Amino acid sequence: MAVYIQLYVSHTHAEGAWISLVFVAMIGVWCAGSVWLVEHPLLGAPIRRYGTALLPFILLAIGVLVIVNNDTPRVLFGI
């Protein structure tokens, strides 16, 4: 959550509202897609087997992308 606060701070209130609406809509899309992937005959077994090991790395990559795209290193360190 702390990573995504920077996303809202770098936008206006109206843009934040749109970001929130898109976020809520995409929750449904991602949940439906994940159910489809896990139940897929070929992809389901590897996802169930390796998914818990890969998830932390995927979340770290997303967090780093958000931090870098919002110029956080420049703000914090003057880079």
PDB file of N, CA and C in Angstrom:
ATOM      1  N   MET A   1       0.817  -1.188   0.000  1.00  0.00           N
ATOM      2  CA  MET A   1       0.000   0.000   0.000  1.00  0.00           C
ATOM      3  C   MET A   1       0.862   1.252   0.000  1.00  0.00           C
ATOM      4  N   ALA A   2       1.953   1.224   0.708  1.00  0.00           N
ATOM      5  CA  ALA A   2       2.805   2.407   0.797  1.00  0.00           C
ATOM      6  C   ALA A   2       3.377   2.786  -0.565  1.00  0.00           C
ATOM      7  N   VAL A   3       3.586   1.817  -1.421  1.00  0.00           N
ATOM      8  CA  VAL A   3       4.122   2.111  -2.748  1.00  0.00           C
ATOM      9  C   VAL A   3       3.088   2.835  -3.591  1.00  0.00           C
ATOM     10  N   TYR A   4       1.832   2.447  -3.497  1.00  0.00           N
ATOM     11  CA  TYR A   4       0.806   3.019  -4.350  1.00  0.00           C
ATOM     12  C   TYR A   4       0.323   4.385  -3.876  1.00  0.00           C
ATOM     13  N   ILE A   5       0.620   4.769  -2.659  1.00  0.00           N
ATOM     14  CA  ILE A   5       0.265   6.109  -2.190  1.00  0.00           C
ATOM     15  C   ILE A   5       0.969   7.153  -3.051  1.00  0.00           C
ATOM     16  N   GLN A   6       2.180   6.868  -3.470  1.00  0.00           N
ATOM     17  CA  GLN A   6       2.920   7.789  -4.331  1.00  0.00           C
ATOM     18  C   GLN A   6       2.205   8.018  -5.650  1.00  0.00           C
ATOM     19  N   LEU A   7       1.530   7.001  -6.137  1.00  0.00           N
ATOM     20  CA  LEU A   7       0.779   7.132  -7.375  1.00  0.00           C
ATOM     21  C   LEU A   7      -0.328   8.166  -7.208  1.00  0.00           C
ATOM     22  N   TYR A   8      -1.046   8.124  -6.093  1.00  0.00           N
ATOM     23  CA  TYR A   8      -2.127   9.073  -5.862  1.00  0.00           C
ATOM     24  C   TYR A   8      -1.603  10.480  -5.574  1.00  0.00           C
ATOM     25  N   VAL A   9      -0.495  10.585  -4.885  1.00  0.00           N
ATOM     26  CA  VAL A   9       0.057  11.897  -4.540  1.00  0.00           C
ATOM     27  C   VAL A   9       0.507  12.642  -5.794  1.00  0.00           C
ATOM     28  N   SER A  10       0.957  11.922  -6.797  1.00  0.00           N
ATOM     29  CA  SER A  10       1.475  12.565  -7.999  1.00  0.00           C
ATOM     30  C   SER A  10       0.377  12.951  -8.990  1.00  0.00           C
ATOM     31  N   HIS A  11      -0.907  12.785  -8.624  1.00  0.00           N
ATOM     32  CA  HIS A  11      -2.020  13.135  -9.508  1.00  0.00           C
ATOM     33  C   HIS A  11      -3.012  14.039  -8.775  1.00  0.00           C
ATOM     34  N   THR A  12      -3.888  14.686  -9.563  1.00  0.00           N
ATOM     35  CA  THR A  12      -4.932  15.530  -8.970  1.00  0.00           C
ATOM     36  C   THR A  12      -6.014  14.641  -8.364  1.00  0.00           C
ATOM     37  N   HIS A  13      -6.953  15.282  -7.648  1.00  0.00           N
ATOM     38  CA  HIS A  13      -8.047  14.514  -7.035  1.00  0.00           C
ATOM     39  C   HIS A  13      -8.932  13.861  -8.098  1.00  0.00           C
ATOM     40  N   ALA A  14      -9.193  14.575  -9.189  1.00  0.00           N
ATOM     41  CA  ALA A  14     -10.017  14.003 -10.265  1.00  0.00           C
ATOM     42  C   ALA A  14      -9.323  12.806 -10.899  1.00  0.00           C
ATOM     43  N   GLU A  15      -8.027  12.941 -11.135  1.00  0.00           N
ATOM     44  CA  GLU A  15      -7.277  11.815 -11.692  1.00  0.00           C
ATOM     45  C   GLU A  15      -7.230  10.657 -10.705  1.00  0.00           C
ATOM     46  N   GLY A  16      -7.142  10.966  -9.420  1.00  0.00           N
ATOM     47  CA  GLY A  16      -7.158   9.922  -8.394  1.00  0.00           C
ATOM     48  C   GLY A  16      -8.472   9.158  -8.379  1.00  0.00           C
ATOM     49  N   ALA A  17      -9.573   9.885  -8.618  1.00  0.00           N
ATOM     50  CA  ALA A  17     -10.880   9.221  -8.678  1.00  0.00           C
ATOM     51  C   ALA A  17     -10.939   8.259  -9.864  1.00  0.00           C
ATOM     52  N   TRP A  18     -10.426   8.695 -11.023  1.00  0.00           N
ATOM     53  CA  TRP A  18     -10.395   7.811 -12.186  1.00  0.00           C
ATOM     54  C   TRP A  18      -9.491   6.613 -11.951  1.00  0.00           C
ATOM     55  N   ILE A  19      -8.356   6.847 -11.316  1.00  0.00           N
ATOM     56  CA  ILE A  19      -7.448   5.745 -10.989  1.00  0.00           C
ATOM     57  C   ILE A  19      -8.164   4.737 -10.101  1.00  0.00           C
ATOM     58  N   SER A  20      -8.918   5.231  -9.128  1.00  0.00           N
ATOM     59  CA  SER A  20      -9.654   4.337  -8.222  1.00  0.00           C
ATOM     60  C   SER A  20     -10.720   3.548  -8.963  1.00  0.00           C
ATOM     61  N   LEU A  21     -11.453   4.209  -9.862  1.00  0.00           N
ATOM     62  CA  LEU A  21     -12.483   3.504 -10.632  1.00  0.00           C
ATOM     63  C   LEU A  21     -11.872   2.414 -11.517  1.00  0.00           C
ATOM     64  N   VAL A  22     -10.785   2.746 -12.174  1.00  0.00           N
ATOM     65  CA  VAL A  22     -10.114   1.749 -13.016  1.00  0.00           C
ATOM     66  C   VAL A  22      -9.589   0.607 -12.153  1.00  0.00           C
ATOM     67  N   PHE A  23      -9.042   0.953 -10.993  1.00  0.00           N
ATOM     68  CA  PHE A  23      -8.524  -0.065 -10.083  1.00  0.00           C
ATOM     69  C   PHE A  23      -9.624  -1.048  -9.675  1.00  0.00           C
ATOM     70  N   VAL A  24     -10.783  -0.522  -9.294  1.00  0.00           N
ATOM     71  CA  VAL A  24     -11.900  -1.381  -8.872  1.00  0.00           C
ATOM     72  C   VAL A  24     -12.377  -2.254 -10.027  1.00  0.00           C
ATOM     73  N   ALA A  25     -12.479  -1.673 -11.232  1.00  0.00           N
ATOM     74  CA  ALA A  25     -12.914  -2.456 -12.393  1.00  0.00           C
ATOM     75  C   ALA A  25     -11.899  -3.545 -12.728  1.00  0.00           C
ATOM     76  N   MET A  26     -10.624  -3.209 -12.625  1.00  0.00           N
ATOM     77  CA  MET A  26      -9.593  -4.178 -12.979  1.00  0.00           C
ATOM     78  C   MET A  26      -9.472  -5.303 -11.964  1.00  0.00           C
ATOM     79  N   ILE A  27      -9.909  -5.073 -10.731  1.00  0.00           N
ATOM     80  CA  ILE A  27      -9.926  -6.166  -9.750  1.00  0.00           C
ATOM     81  C   ILE A  27     -10.770  -7.319 -10.286  1.00  0.00           C
ATOM     82  N   GLY A  28     -11.945  -6.994 -10.812  1.00  0.00           N
ATOM     83  CA  GLY A  28     -12.812  -8.022 -11.378  1.00  0.00           C
ATOM     84  C   GLY A  28     -12.186  -8.721 -12.569  1.00  0.00           C
ATOM     85  N   VAL A  29     -11.547  -7.946 -13.438  1.00  0.00           N
ATOM     86  CA  VAL A  29     -10.896  -8.529 -14.612  1.00  0.00           C
ATOM     87  C   VAL A  29      -9.761  -9.466 -14.192  1.00  0.00           C
ATOM     88  N   TRP A  30      -8.925  -9.010 -13.251  1.00  0.00           N
ATOM     89  CA  TRP A  30      -7.798  -9.834 -12.800  1.00  0.00           C
ATOM     90  C   TRP A  30      -8.275 -11.091 -12.077  1.00  0.00           C
ATOM     91  N   CYS A  31      -9.319 -10.967 -11.276  1.00  0.00           N
ATOM     92  CA  CYS A  31      -9.842 -12.151 -10.581  1.00  0.00           C
ATOM     93  C   CYS A  31     -10.401 -13.166 -11.570  1.00  0.00           C
ATOM     94  N   ALA A  32     -11.156 -12.689 -12.562  1.00  0.00           N
ATOM     95  CA  ALA A  32     -11.698 -13.595 -13.577  1.00  0.00           C
ATOM     96  C   ALA A  32     -10.576 -14.247 -14.372  1.00  0.00           C
ATOM     97  N   GLY A  33      -9.561 -13.456 -14.727  1.00  0.00           N
ATOM     98  CA  GLY A  33      -8.425 -14.014 -15.468  1.00  0.00           C
ATOM     99  C   GLY A  33      -7.642 -15.030 -14.668  1.00  0.00           C
ATOM    100  N   SER A  34      -7.488 -14.771 -13.376  1.00  0.00           N
ATOM    101  CA  SER A  34      -6.730 -15.713 -12.548  1.00  0.00           C
ATOM    102  C   SER A  34      -7.486 -17.026 -12.372  1.00  0.00           C
ATOM    103  N   VAL A  35      -8.793 -16.952 -12.223  1.00  0.00           N
ATOM    104  CA  VAL A  35      -9.589 -18.188 -12.125  1.00  0.00           C
ATOM    105  C   VAL A  35      -9.476 -18.975 -13.421  1.00  0.00           C
ATOM    106  N   TRP A  36      -9.549 -18.280 -14.550  1.00  0.00           N
ATOM    107  CA  TRP A  36      -9.432 -18.951 -15.836  1.00  0.00           C
ATOM    108  C   TRP A  36      -8.072 -19.623 -15.971  1.00  0.00           C
ATOM    109  N   LEU A  37      -6.984 -18.914 -15.596  1.00  0.00           N
ATOM    110  CA  LEU A  37      -5.641 -19.493 -15.716  1.00  0.00           C
ATOM    111  C   LEU A  37      -5.453 -20.715 -14.825  1.00  0.00           C
ATOM    112  N   VAL A  38      -5.908 -20.630 -13.588  1.00  0.00           N
ATOM    113  CA  VAL A  38      -5.711 -21.740 -12.652  1.00  0.00           C
ATOM    114  C   VAL A  38      -6.528 -22.958 -13.068  1.00  0.00           C
ATOM    115  N   GLU A  39      -7.668 -22.730 -13.697  1.00  0.00           N
ATOM    116  CA  GLU A  39      -8.501 -23.854 -14.129  1.00  0.00           C
ATOM    117  C   GLU A  39      -8.160 -24.339 -15.537  1.00  0.00           C
ATOM    118  N   HIS A  40      -7.230 -23.683 -16.216  1.00  0.00           N
ATOM    119  CA  HIS A  40      -6.837 -24.077 -17.571  1.00  0.00           C
ATOM    120  C   HIS A  40      -6.173 -25.456 -17.516  1.00  0.00           C
ATOM    121  N   PRO A  41      -6.500 -26.343 -18.453  1.00  0.00           N
ATOM    122  CA  PRO A  41      -5.961 -27.711 -18.409  1.00  0.00           C
ATOM    123  C   PRO A  41      -4.433 -27.788 -18.483  1.00  0.00           C
ATOM    124  N   LEU A  42      -3.787 -26.939 -19.272  1.00  0.00           N
ATOM    125  CA  LEU A  42      -2.334 -27.008 -19.413  1.00  0.00           C
ATOM    126  C   LEU A  42      -1.594 -26.061 -18.463  1.00  0.00           C
ATOM    127  N   LEU A  43      -2.143 -24.898 -18.218  1.00  0.00           N
ATOM    128  CA  LEU A  43      -1.453 -23.888 -17.421  1.00  0.00           C
ATOM    129  C   LEU A  43      -1.738 -23.986 -15.928  1.00  0.00           C
ATOM    130  N   GLY A  44      -2.821 -24.617 -15.562  1.00  0.00           N
ATOM    131  CA  GLY A  44      -3.232 -24.649 -14.160  1.00  0.00           C
ATOM    132  C   GLY A  44      -2.249 -25.328 -13.230  1.00  0.00           C
ATOM    133  N   ALA A  45      -1.740 -26.489 -13.621  1.00  0.00           N
ATOM    134  CA  ALA A  45      -0.831 -27.241 -12.742  1.00  0.00           C
ATOM    135  C   ALA A  45       0.485 -26.485 -12.481  1.00  0.00           C
ATOM    136  N   PRO A  46       1.163 -25.946 -13.513  1.00  0.00           N
ATOM    137  CA  PRO A  46       2.397 -25.198 -13.215  1.00  0.00           C
ATOM    138  C   PRO A  46       2.144 -23.942 -12.379  1.00  0.00           C
ATOM    139  N   ILE A  47       1.036 -23.276 -12.614  1.00  0.00           N
ATOM    140  CA  ILE A  47       0.729 -22.073 -11.831  1.00  0.00           C
ATOM    141  C   ILE A  47       0.502 -22.442 -10.371  1.00  0.00           C
ATOM    142  N   ARG A  48      -0.235 -23.511 -10.147  1.00  0.00           N
ATOM    143  CA  ARG A  48      -0.469 -23.938  -8.759  1.00  0.00           C
ATOM    144  C   ARG A  48       0.825 -24.402  -8.093  1.00  0.00           C
ATOM    145  N   ARG A  49       1.727 -24.986  -8.859  1.00  0.00           N
ATOM    146  CA  ARG A  49       2.971 -25.510  -8.314  1.00  0.00           C
ATOM    147  C   ARG A  49       3.976 -24.400  -8.010  1.00  0.00           C
ATOM    148  N   TYR A  50       4.163 -23.455  -8.941  1.00  0.00           N
ATOM    149  CA  TYR A  50       5.220 -22.450  -8.807  1.00  0.00           C
ATOM    150  C   TYR A  50       4.703 -21.050  -8.458  1.00  0.00           C
ATOM    151  N   GLY A  51       3.400 -20.870  -8.450  1.00  0.00           N
ATOM    152  CA  GLY A  51       2.829 -19.544  -8.238  1.00  0.00           C
ATOM    153  C   GLY A  51       3.206 -18.912  -6.914  1.00  0.00           C
ATOM    154  N   THR A  52       3.189 -19.686  -5.848  1.00  0.00           N
ATOM    155  CA  THR A  52       3.508 -19.109  -4.537  1.00  0.00           C
ATOM    156  C   THR A  52       4.978 -18.715  -4.434  1.00  0.00           C
ATOM    157  N   ALA A  53       5.850 -19.388  -5.177  1.00  0.00           N
ATOM    158  CA  ALA A  53       7.268 -19.034  -5.162  1.00  0.00           C
ATOM    159  C   ALA A  53       7.539 -17.792  -6.011  1.00  0.00           C
ATOM    160  N   LEU A  54       6.791 -17.600  -7.085  1.00  0.00           N
ATOM    161  CA  LEU A  54       7.014 -16.472  -7.984  1.00  0.00           C
ATOM    162  C   LEU A  54       6.318 -15.186  -7.541  1.00  0.00           C
ATOM    163  N   LEU A  55       5.245 -15.304  -6.798  1.00  0.00           N
ATOM    164  CA  LEU A  55       4.452 -14.129  -6.431  1.00  0.00           C
ATOM    165  C   LEU A  55       5.257 -13.029  -5.746  1.00  0.00           C
ATOM    166  N   PRO A  56       6.119 -13.313  -4.765  1.00  0.00           N
ATOM    167  CA  PRO A  56       6.878 -12.216  -4.145  1.00  0.00           C
ATOM    168  C   PRO A  56       7.741 -11.447  -5.147  1.00  0.00           C
ATOM    169  N   PHE A  57       8.337 -12.132  -6.094  1.00  0.00           N
ATOM    170  CA  PHE A  57       9.177 -11.462  -7.096  1.00  0.00           C
ATOM    171  C   PHE A  57       8.344 -10.606  -8.038  1.00  0.00           C
ATOM    172  N   ILE A  58       7.159 -11.081  -8.382  1.00  0.00           N
ATOM    173  CA  ILE A  58       6.262 -10.308  -9.241  1.00  0.00           C
ATOM    174  C   ILE A  58       5.814  -9.040  -8.520  1.00  0.00           C
ATOM    175  N   LEU A  59       5.440  -9.158  -7.248  1.00  0.00           N
ATOM    176  CA  LEU A  59       5.015  -7.988  -6.486  1.00  0.00           C
ATOM    177  C   LEU A  59       6.163  -6.999  -6.277  1.00  0.00           C
ATOM    178  N   LEU A  60       7.369  -7.495  -6.052  1.00  0.00           N
ATOM    179  CA  LEU A  60       8.533  -6.609  -5.932  1.00  0.00           C
ATOM    180  C   LEU A  60       8.790  -5.860  -7.233  1.00  0.00           C
ATOM    181  N   ALA A  61       8.668  -6.537  -8.348  1.00  0.00           N
ATOM    182  CA  ALA A  61       8.880  -5.889  -9.642  1.00  0.00           C
ATOM    183  C   ALA A  61       7.850  -4.794  -9.880  1.00  0.00           C
ATOM    184  N   ILE A  62       6.597  -5.051  -9.534  1.00  0.00           N
ATOM    185  CA  ILE A  62       5.558  -4.034  -9.682  1.00  0.00           C
ATOM    186  C   ILE A  62       5.859  -2.840  -8.792  1.00  0.00           C
ATOM    187  N   GLY A  63       6.255  -3.082  -7.561  1.00  0.00           N
ATOM    188  CA  GLY A  63       6.579  -1.998  -6.639  1.00  0.00           C
ATOM    189  C   GLY A  63       7.745  -1.158  -7.124  1.00  0.00           C
ATOM    190  N   VAL A  64       8.779  -1.798  -7.637  1.00  0.00           N
ATOM    191  CA  VAL A  64       9.936  -1.061  -8.151  1.00  0.00           C
ATOM    192  C   VAL A  64       9.536  -0.224  -9.359  1.00  0.00           C
ATOM    193  N   LEU A  65       8.715  -0.760 -10.234  1.00  0.00           N
ATOM    194  CA  LEU A  65       8.262   0.004 -11.393  1.00  0.00           C
ATOM    195  C   LEU A  65       7.481   1.244 -10.972  1.00  0.00           C
ATOM    196  N   VAL A  66       6.606   1.113  -9.988  1.00  0.00           N
ATOM    197  CA  VAL A  66       5.832   2.265  -9.517  1.00  0.00           C
ATOM    198  C   VAL A  66       6.759   3.306  -8.912  1.00  0.00           C
ATOM    199  N   ILE A  67       7.709   2.884  -8.114  1.00  0.00           N
ATOM    200  CA  ILE A  67       8.648   3.822  -7.481  1.00  0.00           C
ATOM    201  C   ILE A  67       9.476   4.554  -8.533  1.00  0.00           C
ATOM    202  N   VAL A  68      10.005   3.837  -9.497  1.00  0.00           N
ATOM    203  CA  VAL A  68      10.855   4.455 -10.518  1.00  0.00           C
ATOM    204  C   VAL A  68      10.036   5.368 -11.431  1.00  0.00           C
ATOM    205  N   ASN A  69       8.843   4.956 -11.817  1.00  0.00           N
ATOM    206  CA  ASN A  69       8.027   5.755 -12.732  1.00  0.00           C
ATOM    207  C   ASN A  69       7.494   7.035 -12.089  1.00  0.00           C
ATOM    208  N   ASN A  70       7.473   7.129 -10.781  1.00  0.00           N
ATOM    209  CA  ASN A  70       6.998   8.333 -10.103  1.00  0.00           C
ATOM    210  C   ASN A  70       8.149   9.206  -9.609  1.00  0.00           C
ATOM    211  N   ASP A  71       9.341   8.987 -10.116  1.00  0.00           N
ATOM    212  CA  ASP A  71      10.525   9.802  -9.789  1.00  0.00           C
ATOM    213  C   ASP A  71      10.844   9.832  -8.307  1.00  0.00           C
ATOM    214  N   THR A  72      10.554   8.794  -7.592  1.00  0.00           N
ATOM    215  CA  THR A  72      10.844   8.740  -6.156  1.00  0.00           C
ATOM    216  C   THR A  72      12.332   8.836  -5.863  1.00  0.00           C
ATOM    217  N   PRO A  73      13.229   8.159  -6.621  1.00  0.00           N
ATOM    218  CA  PRO A  73      14.651   8.307  -6.324  1.00  0.00           C
ATOM    219  C   PRO A  73      15.123   9.764  -6.453  1.00  0.00           C
ATOM    220  N   ARG A  74      14.602  10.489  -7.440  1.00  0.00           N
ATOM    221  CA  ARG A  74      14.978  11.892  -7.622  1.00  0.00           C
ATOM    222  C   ARG A  74      14.512  12.736  -6.453  1.00  0.00           C
ATOM    223  N   VAL A  75      13.288  12.499  -5.980  1.00  0.00           N
ATOM    224  CA  VAL A  75      12.740  13.268  -4.869  1.00  0.00           C
ATOM    225  C   VAL A  75      13.483  12.951  -3.569  1.00  0.00           C
ATOM    226  N   LEU A  76      13.758  11.686  -3.322  1.00  0.00           N
ATOM    227  CA  LEU A  76      14.394  11.303  -2.064  1.00  0.00           C
ATOM    228  C   LEU A  76      15.890  11.597  -2.033  1.00  0.00           C
ATOM    229  N   PHE A  77      16.570  11.329  -3.134  1.00  0.00           N
ATOM    230  CA  PHE A  77      18.029  11.401  -3.125  1.00  0.00           C
ATOM    231  C   PHE A  77      18.594  12.516  -4.004  1.00  0.00           C
ATOM    232  N   GLY A  78      17.735  13.253  -4.693  1.00  0.00           N
ATOM    233  CA  GLY A  78      18.214  14.326  -5.557  1.00  0.00           C
ATOM    234  C   GLY A  78      18.946  13.828  -6.788  1.00  0.00           C
ATOM    235  N   ILE A  79      18.619  12.615  -7.215  1.00  0.00           N
ATOM    236  CA  ILE A  79      19.289  12.015  -8.385  1.00  0.00           C
ATOM    237  C   ILE A  79      18.638  12.534  -9.645  1.00  0.00           C
TER     238      ILE A  79
END
